[in-house]
Each structure stands twice: as C-alpha cells, then as structure tokens.
C-alpha cells in the first residue's frame, strides 16, 4: 500500500509516482545525476538529504527518473535545488510536476534557485523571476601569494567561532542558516580574517564532486575575499578546485582567473515571491556573498 504522500500520473506510456527522497537508495540518486552529467557523489547526495527535503519520480518498476529538493532555512524562505529529470522525460512535463509539488510543500515561503539553461523556461512558466547570474569557475588550482591583506590576520577557524561565522553568513545571505553551516563546518576547513578580534571575512572549502569546492565565502570587499580564499587555492595547488560566484568582474574575478579557476558555465539565480519578507535585504555596507555553498544550497 502506498503512503498518504504518494502522488501518481501517467507520463508518456507508463505510470510514474512521486515519493519521499529518503525512501530511495543513494545509488539510484547517483545514477540520476550521472545521467545528466552532474558531478555529485553519493556522499554529496547524502549530505543534501540530511539537511533538506525532497521528492523523486519513480516509474512502474521503481527506477528514479526525476528529483527535486528544498531547504527550508526559515518559516519565510527556502532554497530549491537538485531538480533533475531523466533526459528521456525532459520534454514530457515531469520537471513541472516535481516543481509544483515543491512549491506546494513550501507554502508561502519565498523560493530561490539556480536555473540551468535547459530549465530556465520551466521556472519562468512557474513565475520565477530572474535575479542575477551565477558563474561556475573551476580548474586546476595555481597556488600563488598575491593577497594585499596582512596574512597574520588570517587563520583557521575553530568551532568556537562557528556562531560568528553563522552571523556573518546571515548578514550576506539574508537568512540565518544555522543547521546547514553547522554540518558544513564539520566537513570543511574554514579560514577567517580578523580585525580587532572580530571575524570580518571567511571562506570554507570541502570535498565535492570532482575535487574540492570553495564556499561559502563572505567578505566586505574584493581584497578581503581574496585573502580568505587564497589559502585554499594554495592548499589545493595542482588539484581540481571549484568556486561559484555572482561577481561579474573586478579584482576578485581577476584573482580567480589567475589562480586557474576559469569560467566553466553560468546559471541564472531566480526567485518566486521575492516580495514576501523571507530573506532580509542586505545593507549596502554589510558583508556580501562572494561564493555560494553550492548551486543547490545557494
């Protein structure tokens, strides 16, 4: 007998049903992301399942043919990600079915996501509005010391500084993401920049996909952002490194290019109901996001 949350419909010539993402094997989720050439490992999927919620579309014999996740950071705001449909179903309305379920589950929250080129029209049809472009920068890291900031002010963060990191991230992102950043901190190495004993910038780095990813990065200016990212670049010189940023140009983007993190792809950050008071508006002089946690988490 199916559970009360199961929803089904006929897609093409066979029946599909939506079930909770926690009810399927990681191997099935991994096969789905591999089918669309996304770099996620099984442990990356498990990390996301531990933080968020989601649904998957199953066919009649239990194969996973689509997924969608959401991360409710507050009562008024959620990030949406991992919206995937099997290539053979992408023109059959499966993505819209999944997204309508997510929108229903999230209630009146403001929603934010990062749309690939292939999915952009889908989200526009659901009334998501474009905000800005997110640039995926990656490559073999080239370690070099170019930071104009006094490096004695930069050190590895300890768990005692986690509350300050969470507060700084909230100033930049607009929502306090305590659960996500607590779990993330324990999987990452994070460098912080201090002035007068106060944390003013930080950059976290963890294993992800093909190598390591730097994010989130929060700072008040390009120079501070470079100062906290540079130790991660040096630590992974000769290795694959990725950083996703909304910065379109400037000193920080020039730094990424010099250190081997070339532009690889771009997606569009979009939102639904952004007029609802979900994420707080960031003040002009407040810390800013220089790199997202990931395209799914924002």
C-alpha atoms as a PDB file:
ATOM      1  CA  UNK A   1       0.000   0.000   0.000  1.00  0.00           C
ATOM      2  CA  UNK A   2       1.294   3.425  -0.925  1.00  0.00           C
ATOM      3  CA  UNK A   3       1.741   6.071   1.773  1.00  0.00           C
ATOM      4  CA  UNK A   4      -0.562   9.100   2.009  1.00  0.00           C
ATOM      5  CA  UNK A   5       2.036  11.433   0.437  1.00  0.00           C
ATOM      6  CA  UNK A   6       2.356   9.436  -2.789  1.00  0.00           C
ATOM      7  CA  UNK A   7       1.086  11.135  -5.959  1.00  0.00           C
ATOM      8  CA  UNK A   8       0.961   9.444  -9.358  1.00  0.00           C
ATOM      9  CA  UNK A   9       0.254  10.296 -13.008  1.00  0.00           C
ATOM     10  CA  UNK A  10       0.660   8.833 -16.488  1.00  0.00           C
ATOM     11  CA  UNK A  11       3.768  10.134 -18.280  1.00  0.00           C
ATOM     12  CA  UNK A  12       4.168   9.106 -21.920  1.00  0.00           C
ATOM     13  CA  UNK A  13       3.060   5.442 -21.923  1.00  0.00           C
ATOM     14  CA  UNK A  14       3.767   4.452 -18.307  1.00  0.00           C
ATOM     15  CA  UNK A  15       2.733   5.466 -14.822  1.00  0.00           C
ATOM     16  CA  UNK A  16       5.011   7.465 -12.533  1.00  0.00           C
ATOM     17  CA  UNK A  17       4.616   8.324  -8.878  1.00  0.00           C
ATOM     18  CA  UNK A  18       6.231  10.815  -6.511  1.00  0.00           C
ATOM     19  CA  UNK A  19       7.694   9.538  -3.243  1.00  0.00           C
ATOM     20  CA  UNK A  20       9.851  10.978  -0.471  1.00  0.00           C
ATOM     21  CA  UNK A  21      13.525  11.225  -1.419  1.00  0.00           C
ATOM     22  CA  UNK A  22      14.580   9.471   1.795  1.00  0.00           C
ATOM     23  CA  UNK A  23      12.779   6.317   0.681  1.00  0.00           C
ATOM     24  CA  UNK A  24      15.113   5.544  -2.252  1.00  0.00           C
ATOM     25  CA  UNK A  25      18.654   4.196  -2.380  1.00  0.00           C
ATOM     26  CA  UNK A  26      21.577   6.576  -2.785  1.00  0.00           C
ATOM     27  CA  UNK A  27      22.745   4.502  -5.759  1.00  0.00           C
ATOM     28  CA  UNK A  28      19.561   5.431  -7.631  1.00  0.00           C
ATOM     29  CA  UNK A  29      20.039   9.144  -6.938  1.00  0.00           C
ATOM     30  CA  UNK A  30      23.658   8.907  -8.033  1.00  0.00           C
ATOM     31  CA  UNK A  31      22.622   7.221 -11.306  1.00  0.00           C
ATOM     32  CA  UNK A  32      20.158  10.068 -11.937  1.00  0.00           C
ATOM     33  CA  UNK A  33      22.761  12.825 -11.538  1.00  0.00           C
ATOM     34  CA  UNK A  34      25.290  10.881 -13.628  1.00  0.00           C
ATOM     35  CA  UNK A  35      22.681  10.641 -16.418  1.00  0.00           C
ATOM     36  CA  UNK A  36      22.647  14.454 -16.715  1.00  0.00           C
ATOM     37  CA  UNK A  37      26.430  14.726 -16.179  1.00  0.00           C
ATOM     38  CA  UNK A  38      26.254  16.426 -12.777  1.00  0.00           C
ATOM     39  CA  UNK A  39      29.347  15.819 -10.616  1.00  0.00           C
ATOM     40  CA  UNK A  40      27.667  14.823  -7.338  1.00  0.00           C
ATOM     41  CA  UNK A  41      28.964  11.821  -5.419  1.00  0.00           C
ATOM     42  CA  UNK A  42      26.820   9.546  -3.254  1.00  0.00           C
ATOM     43  CA  UNK A  43      28.121  11.345  -0.141  1.00  0.00           C
ATOM     44  CA  UNK A  44      27.102  14.702  -1.659  1.00  0.00           C
ATOM     45  CA  UNK A  45      23.566  13.400  -2.112  1.00  0.00           C
ATOM     46  CA  UNK A  46      23.506  12.097   1.440  1.00  0.00           C
ATOM     47  CA  UNK A  47      24.686  15.451   2.799  1.00  0.00           C
ATOM     48  CA  UNK A  48      21.841  17.206   0.994  1.00  0.00           C
ATOM     49  CA  UNK A  49      19.282  14.681   2.216  1.00  0.00           C
ATOM     50  CA  UNK A  50      20.473  15.239   5.782  1.00  0.00           C
ATOM     51  CA  UNK A  51      19.777  18.978   5.500  1.00  0.00           C
ATOM     52  CA  UNK A  52      16.781  19.243   3.196  1.00  0.00           C
ATOM     53  CA  UNK A  53      13.626  17.585   1.968  1.00  0.00           C
ATOM     54  CA  UNK A  54      12.697  16.256  -1.417  1.00  0.00           C
ATOM     55  CA  UNK A  55      10.687  14.081  -3.730  1.00  0.00           C
ATOM     56  CA  UNK A  56      11.614  11.716  -6.522  1.00  0.00           C
ATOM     57  CA  UNK A  57       9.642  10.435  -9.500  1.00  0.00           C
ATOM     58  CA  UNK A  58       9.605   6.650  -9.857  1.00  0.00           C
ATOM     59  CA  UNK A  59       8.437   4.598 -12.809  1.00  0.00           C
ATOM     60  CA  UNK A  60       6.392   1.396 -12.577  1.00  0.00           C
ATOM     61  CA  UNK A  61       9.416  -0.762 -11.721  1.00  0.00           C
ATOM     62  CA  UNK A  62      10.920   1.639  -9.172  1.00  0.00           C
ATOM     63  CA  UNK A  63      13.525   3.433 -11.272  1.00  0.00           C
ATOM     64  CA  UNK A  64      14.265   7.046 -10.266  1.00  0.00           C
ATOM     65  CA  UNK A  65      13.541   9.321 -13.230  1.00  0.00           C
ATOM     66  CA  UNK A  66      13.392  12.714 -11.535  1.00  0.00           C
ATOM     67  CA  UNK A  67      14.127  14.586  -8.322  1.00  0.00           C
ATOM     68  CA  UNK A  68      13.577  17.928  -6.616  1.00  0.00           C
ATOM     69  CA  UNK A  69      14.763  19.179  -3.222  1.00  0.00           C
ATOM     70  CA  UNK A  70      14.134  22.174  -0.997  1.00  0.00           C
ATOM     71  CA  UNK A  71      15.975  23.542   2.007  1.00  0.00           C
ATOM     72  CA  UNK A  72      13.680  25.480   4.371  1.00  0.00           C
ATOM     73  CA  UNK A  73      16.102  27.853   6.086  1.00  0.00           C
ATOM     74  CA  UNK A  74      13.284  29.752   7.817  1.00  0.00           C
ATOM     75  CA  UNK A  75       9.500  29.937   8.001  1.00  0.00           C
ATOM     76  CA  UNK A  76       9.606  32.524   5.221  1.00  0.00           C
ATOM     77  CA  UNK A  77      12.388  31.308   2.924  1.00  0.00           C
ATOM     78  CA  UNK A  78      13.695  28.152   1.208  1.00  0.00           C
ATOM     79  CA  UNK A  79      16.329  27.312  -1.380  1.00  0.00           C
ATOM     80  CA  UNK A  80      15.388  24.862  -4.135  1.00  0.00           C
ATOM     81  CA  UNK A  81      17.837  22.550  -5.870  1.00  0.00           C
ATOM     82  CA  UNK A  82      18.646  19.153  -7.362  1.00  0.00           C
ATOM     83  CA  UNK A  83      15.753  19.463  -9.810  1.00  0.00           C
ATOM     84  CA  UNK A  84      16.654  16.719 -12.267  1.00  0.00           C
ATOM     85  CA  UNK A  85      14.664  14.780 -14.834  1.00  0.00           C
ATOM     86  CA  UNK A  86      15.884  11.851 -16.847  1.00  0.00           C
ATOM     87  CA  UNK A  87      16.895  13.012 -20.357  1.00  0.00           C
ATOM     88  CA  UNK A  88      14.123  10.958 -22.000  1.00  0.00           C
ATOM     89  CA  UNK A  89      11.446  12.711 -19.887  1.00  0.00           C
ATOM     90  CA  UNK A  90      12.626  16.320 -20.057  1.00  0.00           C
ATOM     91  CA  UNK A  91      10.016  17.314 -22.641  1.00  0.00           C
ATOM     92  CA  UNK A  92       7.111  15.469 -21.002  1.00  0.00           C
ATOM     93  CA  UNK A  93       6.280  17.778 -18.101  1.00  0.00           C
ATOM     94  CA  UNK A  94       7.989  15.795 -15.347  1.00  0.00           C
ATOM     95  CA  UNK A  95      10.051  18.781 -14.175  1.00  0.00           C
ATOM     96  CA  UNK A  96       6.933  20.933 -13.869  1.00  0.00           C
ATOM     97  CA  UNK A  97       5.174  18.186 -11.917  1.00  0.00           C
ATOM     98  CA  UNK A  98       8.090  17.955  -9.487  1.00  0.00           C
ATOM     99  CA  UNK A  99       8.348  21.722  -9.092  1.00  0.00           C
ATOM    100  CA  UNK A 100       4.630  22.171  -8.433  1.00  0.00           C
ATOM    101  CA  UNK A 101       4.951  19.626  -5.636  1.00  0.00           C
ATOM    102  CA  UNK A 102       7.895  21.590  -4.182  1.00  0.00           C
ATOM    103  CA  UNK A 103       6.003  24.882  -4.395  1.00  0.00           C
ATOM    104  CA  UNK A 104       3.010  23.312  -2.637  1.00  0.00           C
ATOM    105  CA  UNK A 105       5.205  21.833   0.104  1.00  0.00           C
ATOM    106  CA  UNK A 106       6.957  25.155   0.712  1.00  0.00           C
ATOM    107  CA  UNK A 107       3.695  27.026   1.273  1.00  0.00           C
ATOM    108  CA  UNK A 108       4.032  30.817   1.243  1.00  0.00           C
ATOM    109  CA  UNK A 109       7.838  30.889   1.526  1.00  0.00           C
ATOM    110  CA  UNK A 110       9.991  32.943  -0.799  1.00  0.00           C
ATOM    111  CA  UNK A 111      11.885  30.448  -3.001  1.00  0.00           C
ATOM    112  CA  UNK A 112      15.281  30.908  -4.611  1.00  0.00           C
ATOM    113  CA  UNK A 113      17.049  28.585  -7.060  1.00  0.00           C
ATOM    114  CA  UNK A 114      19.773  28.488  -9.685  1.00  0.00           C
ATOM    115  CA  UNK A 115      18.439  27.601 -13.116  1.00  0.00           C
ATOM    116  CA  UNK A 116      20.430  25.867 -15.822  1.00  0.00           C
ATOM    117  CA  UNK A 117      19.856  26.996 -19.397  1.00  0.00           C
ATOM    118  CA  UNK A 118      17.769  23.874 -20.024  1.00  0.00           C
ATOM    119  CA  UNK A 119      15.475  24.573 -17.048  1.00  0.00           C
ATOM    120  CA  UNK A 120      15.142  28.363 -17.361  1.00  0.00           C
ATOM    121  CA  UNK A 121      11.897  28.262 -19.378  1.00  0.00           C
ATOM    122  CA  UNK A 122      10.373  25.829 -16.884  1.00  0.00           C
ATOM    123  CA  UNK A 123      10.952  28.193 -13.972  1.00  0.00           C
ATOM    124  CA  UNK A 124       9.706  31.199 -15.931  1.00  0.00           C
ATOM    125  CA  UNK A 125       6.481  29.288 -16.627  1.00  0.00           C
ATOM    126  CA  UNK A 126       6.099  28.902 -12.843  1.00  0.00           C
ATOM    127  CA  UNK A 127       6.513  32.676 -12.346  1.00  0.00           C
ATOM    128  CA  UNK A 128      10.083  32.634 -11.040  1.00  0.00           C
ATOM    129  CA  UNK A 129      11.832  35.940 -11.742  1.00  0.00           C
ATOM    130  CA  UNK A 130      15.438  36.430 -12.778  1.00  0.00           C
ATOM    131  CA  UNK A 131      17.740  37.990 -10.172  1.00  0.00           C
ATOM    132  CA  UNK A 132      21.321  37.682 -11.467  1.00  0.00           C
ATOM    133  CA  UNK A 133      23.886  35.309 -12.988  1.00  0.00           C
ATOM    134  CA  UNK A 134      25.922  32.774 -11.024  1.00  0.00           C
ATOM    135  CA  UNK A 135      29.304  31.941 -12.571  1.00  0.00           C
ATOM    136  CA  UNK A 136      30.801  28.473 -12.130  1.00  0.00           C
ATOM    137  CA  UNK A 137      34.598  28.891 -12.019  1.00  0.00           C
ATOM    138  CA  UNK A 138      36.793  25.808 -11.843  1.00  0.00           C
ATOM    139  CA  UNK A 139      40.029  24.192 -12.902  1.00  0.00           C
ATOM    140  CA  UNK A 140      43.422  23.041 -11.692  1.00  0.00           C
ATOM    141  CA  UNK A 141      44.379  25.435  -8.926  1.00  0.00           C
ATOM    142  CA  UNK A 142      47.545  27.506  -9.258  1.00  0.00           C
ATOM    143  CA  UNK A 143      48.892  28.424  -5.840  1.00  0.00           C
ATOM    144  CA  UNK A 144      50.344  31.918  -5.557  1.00  0.00           C
ATOM    145  CA  UNK A 145      50.668  34.577  -2.886  1.00  0.00           C
ATOM    146  CA  UNK A 146      49.178  37.858  -4.078  1.00  0.00           C
ATOM    147  CA  UNK A 147      46.979  38.952  -1.183  1.00  0.00           C
ATOM    148  CA  UNK A 148      47.401  42.610  -0.184  1.00  0.00           C
ATOM    149  CA  UNK A 149      45.873  41.851   3.242  1.00  0.00           C
ATOM    150  CA  UNK A 150      48.138  41.226   6.245  1.00  0.00           C
ATOM    151  CA  UNK A 151      48.207  37.430   6.464  1.00  0.00           C
ATOM    152  CA  UNK A 152      48.779  37.401  10.214  1.00  0.00           C
ATOM    153  CA  UNK A 153      45.112  38.397  10.492  1.00  0.00           C
ATOM    154  CA  UNK A 154      44.060  35.148   8.781  1.00  0.00           C
ATOM    155  CA  UNK A 155      43.797  31.779  10.490  1.00  0.00           C
ATOM    156  CA  UNK A 156      41.874  28.519  10.506  1.00  0.00           C
ATOM    157  CA  UNK A 157      38.585  28.823  12.334  1.00  0.00           C
ATOM    158  CA  UNK A 158      37.679  26.641  15.289  1.00  0.00           C
ATOM    159  CA  UNK A 159      34.217  25.521  16.350  1.00  0.00           C
ATOM    160  CA  UNK A 160      34.229  28.243  18.999  1.00  0.00           C
ATOM    161  CA  UNK A 161      33.998  30.758  16.144  1.00  0.00           C
ATOM    162  CA  UNK A 162      31.094  28.994  14.412  1.00  0.00           C
ATOM    163  CA  UNK A 163      28.428  31.360  15.867  1.00  0.00           C
ATOM    164  CA  UNK A 164      30.310  34.361  14.460  1.00  0.00           C
ATOM    165  CA  UNK A 165      30.576  32.616  11.072  1.00  0.00           C
ATOM    166  CA  UNK A 166      26.823  31.899  11.060  1.00  0.00           C
ATOM    167  CA  UNK A 167      26.020  35.531  11.895  1.00  0.00           C
ATOM    168  CA  UNK A 168      28.357  36.827   9.179  1.00  0.00           C
ATOM    169  CA  UNK A 169      26.788  34.479   6.623  1.00  0.00           C
ATOM    170  CA  UNK A 170      23.307  35.661   7.631  1.00  0.00           C
ATOM    171  CA  UNK A 171      24.348  39.275   7.057  1.00  0.00           C
ATOM    172  CA  UNK A 172      25.322  38.386   3.489  1.00  0.00           C
ATOM    173  CA  UNK A 173      22.694  35.779   2.594  1.00  0.00           C
ATOM    174  CA  UNK A 174      19.716  37.339   4.372  1.00  0.00           C
ATOM    175  CA  UNK A 175      18.680  34.242   6.352  1.00  0.00           C
ATOM    176  CA  UNK A 176      20.370  32.506   9.270  1.00  0.00           C
ATOM    177  CA  UNK A 177      21.370  29.021   8.053  1.00  0.00           C
ATOM    178  CA  UNK A 178      22.412  27.529  11.376  1.00  0.00           C
ATOM    179  CA  UNK A 179      21.814  23.839  10.650  1.00  0.00           C
ATOM    180  CA  UNK A 180      23.437  23.899   7.208  1.00  0.00           C
ATOM    181  CA  UNK A 181      26.544  25.788   8.314  1.00  0.00           C
ATOM    182  CA  UNK A 182      26.996  23.716  11.480  1.00  0.00           C
ATOM    183  CA  UNK A 183      27.079  20.484   9.492  1.00  0.00           C
ATOM    184  CA  UNK A 184      29.111  22.084   6.710  1.00  0.00           C
ATOM    185  CA  UNK A 185      31.695  23.454   9.139  1.00  0.00           C
ATOM    186  CA  UNK A 186      32.495  19.951  10.381  1.00  0.00           C
ATOM    187  CA  UNK A 187      33.133  18.791   6.809  1.00  0.00           C
ATOM    188  CA  UNK A 188      35.251  21.789   5.820  1.00  0.00           C
ATOM    189  CA  UNK A 189      38.383  23.773   6.535  1.00  0.00           C
ATOM    190  CA  UNK A 190      37.496  27.428   7.010  1.00  0.00           C
ATOM    191  CA  UNK A 191      39.849  30.405   7.032  1.00  0.00           C
ATOM    192  CA  UNK A 192      38.785  33.623   8.720  1.00  0.00           C
ATOM    193  CA  UNK A 193      40.027  37.197   8.560  1.00  0.00           C
ATOM    194  CA  UNK A 194      40.048  39.048  11.898  1.00  0.00           C
ATOM    195  CA  UNK A 195      40.394  42.718  12.758  1.00  0.00           C
ATOM    196  CA  UNK A 196      40.426  43.856  16.381  1.00  0.00           C
ATOM    197  CA  UNK A 197      39.370  40.349  17.352  1.00  0.00           C
ATOM    198  CA  UNK A 198      36.273  40.443  15.135  1.00  0.00           C
ATOM    199  CA  UNK A 199      35.584  37.990  12.286  1.00  0.00           C
ATOM    200  CA  UNK A 200      35.179  40.097   9.136  1.00  0.00           C
ATOM    201  CA  UNK A 201      35.515  37.541   6.327  1.00  0.00           C
ATOM    202  CA  UNK A 202      35.670  33.775   5.898  1.00  0.00           C
ATOM    203  CA  UNK A 203      35.954  31.067   3.238  1.00  0.00           C
ATOM    204  CA  UNK A 204      35.103  27.384   3.685  1.00  0.00           C
ATOM    205  CA  UNK A 205      36.379  24.529   1.500  1.00  0.00           C
ATOM    206  CA  UNK A 206      35.235  20.892   1.363  1.00  0.00           C
ATOM    207  CA  UNK A 207      35.310  17.785  -0.800  1.00  0.00           C
ATOM    208  CA  UNK A 208      32.683  17.856  -3.529  1.00  0.00           C
ATOM    209  CA  UNK A 209      32.230  16.316  -6.949  1.00  0.00           C
ATOM    210  CA  UNK A 210      35.481  16.050  -8.908  1.00  0.00           C
ATOM    211  CA  UNK A 211      37.666  17.577  -6.184  1.00  0.00           C
ATOM    212  CA  UNK A 212      37.060  20.416  -3.733  1.00  0.00           C
ATOM    213  CA  UNK A 213      34.686  23.386  -3.726  1.00  0.00           C
ATOM    214  CA  UNK A 214      35.246  26.735  -2.005  1.00  0.00           C
ATOM    215  CA  UNK A 215      32.085  28.181  -0.486  1.00  0.00           C
ATOM    216  CA  UNK A 216      30.528  29.918   1.151  1.00  0.00           C
ATOM    217  CA  UNK A 217      32.789  32.954   1.021  1.00  0.00           C
ATOM    218  CA  UNK A 218      31.667  36.114   2.815  1.00  0.00           C
ATOM    219  CA  UNK A 219      33.578  39.406   2.846  1.00  0.00           C
ATOM    220  CA  UNK A 220      33.011  43.152   2.664  1.00  0.00           C
ATOM    221  CA  UNK A 221      35.380  43.784  -0.259  1.00  0.00           C
ATOM    222  CA  UNK A 222      37.314  42.007  -3.004  1.00  0.00           C
ATOM    223  CA  UNK A 223      40.623  42.182  -1.140  1.00  0.00           C
ATOM    224  CA  UNK A 224      39.233  40.520   1.970  1.00  0.00           C
ATOM    225  CA  UNK A 225      37.575  37.826  -0.139  1.00  0.00           C
ATOM    226  CA  UNK A 226      40.866  37.114  -1.912  1.00  0.00           C
ATOM    227  CA  UNK A 227      42.687  36.947   1.413  1.00  0.00           C
ATOM    228  CA  UNK A 228      40.482  34.147   2.788  1.00  0.00           C
ATOM    229  CA  UNK A 229      40.214  32.189  -0.477  1.00  0.00           C
ATOM    230  CA  UNK A 230      43.933  32.259  -1.249  1.00  0.00           C
ATOM    231  CA  UNK A 231      44.949  29.736   1.477  1.00  0.00           C
ATOM    232  CA  UNK A 232      42.527  27.212  -0.036  1.00  0.00           C
ATOM    233  CA  UNK A 233      43.976  27.753  -3.506  1.00  0.00           C
ATOM    234  CA  UNK A 234      47.487  27.241  -2.140  1.00  0.00           C
ATOM    235  CA  UNK A 235      46.443  24.096  -0.245  1.00  0.00           C
ATOM    236  CA  UNK A 236      44.989  22.556  -3.430  1.00  0.00           C
ATOM    237  CA  UNK A 237      47.586  23.676  -5.971  1.00  0.00           C
ATOM    238  CA  UNK A 238      47.626  21.205  -8.856  1.00  0.00           C
ATOM    239  CA  UNK A 239      44.223  19.827  -7.858  1.00  0.00           C
ATOM    240  CA  UNK A 240      40.690  20.395  -9.145  1.00  0.00           C
ATOM    241  CA  UNK A 241      39.004  23.320  -7.391  1.00  0.00           C
ATOM    242  CA  UNK A 242      35.631  24.983  -7.945  1.00  0.00           C
ATOM    243  CA  UNK A 243      34.021  28.225  -6.768  1.00  0.00           C
ATOM    244  CA  UNK A 244      30.591  29.578  -7.788  1.00  0.00           C
ATOM    245  CA  UNK A 245      30.244  33.357  -7.590  1.00  0.00           C
ATOM    246  CA  UNK A 246      27.815  36.123  -8.533  1.00  0.00           C
ATOM    247  CA  UNK A 247      30.711  38.546  -9.057  1.00  0.00           C
ATOM    248  CA  UNK A 248      30.653  39.641 -12.688  1.00  0.00           C
ATOM    249  CA  UNK A 249      34.067  41.349 -12.788  1.00  0.00           C
ATOM    250  CA  UNK A 250      36.616  43.120 -10.627  1.00  0.00           C
ATOM    251  CA  UNK A 251      39.637  42.209  -8.557  1.00  0.00           C
ATOM    252  CA  UNK A 252      38.113  39.013  -7.156  1.00  0.00           C
ATOM    253  CA  UNK A 253      37.212  37.590 -10.580  1.00  0.00           C
ATOM    254  CA  UNK A 254      40.681  38.526 -11.878  1.00  0.00           C
ATOM    255  CA  UNK A 255      42.178  36.635  -8.934  1.00  0.00           C
ATOM    256  CA  UNK A 256      40.133  33.520  -9.769  1.00  0.00           C
ATOM    257  CA  UNK A 257      41.345  33.589 -13.368  1.00  0.00           C
ATOM    258  CA  UNK A 258      44.996  33.976 -12.297  1.00  0.00           C
ATOM    259  CA  UNK A 259      44.742  31.010  -9.966  1.00  0.00           C
ATOM    260  CA  UNK A 260      43.345  28.619 -12.575  1.00  0.00           C
ATOM    261  CA  UNK A 261      39.627  28.898 -11.770  1.00  0.00           C
ATOM    262  CA  UNK A 262      38.384  29.731 -15.248  1.00  0.00           C
ATOM    263  CA  UNK A 263      34.758  30.331 -16.163  1.00  0.00           C
ATOM    264  CA  UNK A 264      33.211  26.963 -16.989  1.00  0.00           C
ATOM    265  CA  UNK A 265      29.472  27.604 -17.025  1.00  0.00           C
ATOM    266  CA  UNK A 266      26.796  30.038 -15.840  1.00  0.00           C
ATOM    267  CA  UNK A 267      23.331  29.593 -14.370  1.00  0.00           C
ATOM    268  CA  UNK A 268      20.591  32.089 -13.508  1.00  0.00           C
ATOM    269  CA  UNK A 269      19.591  32.822  -9.927  1.00  0.00           C
ATOM    270  CA  UNK A 270      15.802  33.156  -9.807  1.00  0.00           C
ATOM    271  CA  UNK A 271      13.187  33.694  -7.116  1.00  0.00           C
ATOM    272  CA  UNK A 272       9.487  33.203  -6.519  1.00  0.00           C
ATOM    273  CA  UNK A 273       7.541  35.531  -4.236  1.00  0.00           C
ATOM    274  CA  UNK A 274      10.629  37.656  -3.573  1.00  0.00           C
ATOM    275  CA  UNK A 275       8.289  40.425  -2.388  1.00  0.00           C
ATOM    276  CA  UNK A 276       7.416  38.265   0.632  1.00  0.00           C
ATOM    277  CA  UNK A 277       9.589  39.008   3.669  1.00  0.00           C
ATOM    278  CA  UNK A 278      11.645  35.811   3.614  1.00  0.00           C
ATOM    279  CA  UNK A 279      15.300  36.693   3.210  1.00  0.00           C
ATOM    280  CA  UNK A 280      16.260  40.019   4.758  1.00  0.00           C
ATOM    281  CA  UNK A 281      17.545  42.734   2.453  1.00  0.00           C
ATOM    282  CA  UNK A 282      21.296  43.223   2.794  1.00  0.00           C
ATOM    283  CA  UNK A 283      22.505  46.722   3.643  1.00  0.00           C
ATOM    284  CA  UNK A 284      24.909  48.308   1.146  1.00  0.00           C
ATOM    285  CA  UNK A 285      27.784  48.326   3.655  1.00  0.00           C
ATOM    286  CA  UNK A 286      27.121  44.822   5.002  1.00  0.00           C
ATOM    287  CA  UNK A 287      29.253  41.742   4.223  1.00  0.00           C
ATOM    288  CA  UNK A 288      28.481  40.220   0.815  1.00  0.00           C
ATOM    289  CA  UNK A 289      28.446  36.699  -0.577  1.00  0.00           C
ATOM    290  CA  UNK A 290      31.487  36.093  -2.784  1.00  0.00           C
ATOM    291  CA  UNK A 291      30.795  32.371  -3.276  1.00  0.00           C
ATOM    292  CA  UNK A 292      27.740  30.237  -2.649  1.00  0.00           C
ATOM    293  CA  UNK A 293      27.762  26.963  -0.694  1.00  0.00           C
ATOM    294  CA  UNK A 294      26.613  25.208  -3.875  1.00  0.00           C
ATOM    295  CA  UNK A 295      24.112  25.767  -6.646  1.00  0.00           C
ATOM    296  CA  UNK A 296      21.541  23.760  -4.692  1.00  0.00           C
ATOM    297  CA  UNK A 297      22.051  25.373  -1.272  1.00  0.00           C
ATOM    298  CA  UNK A 298      22.660  28.920  -2.535  1.00  0.00           C
END
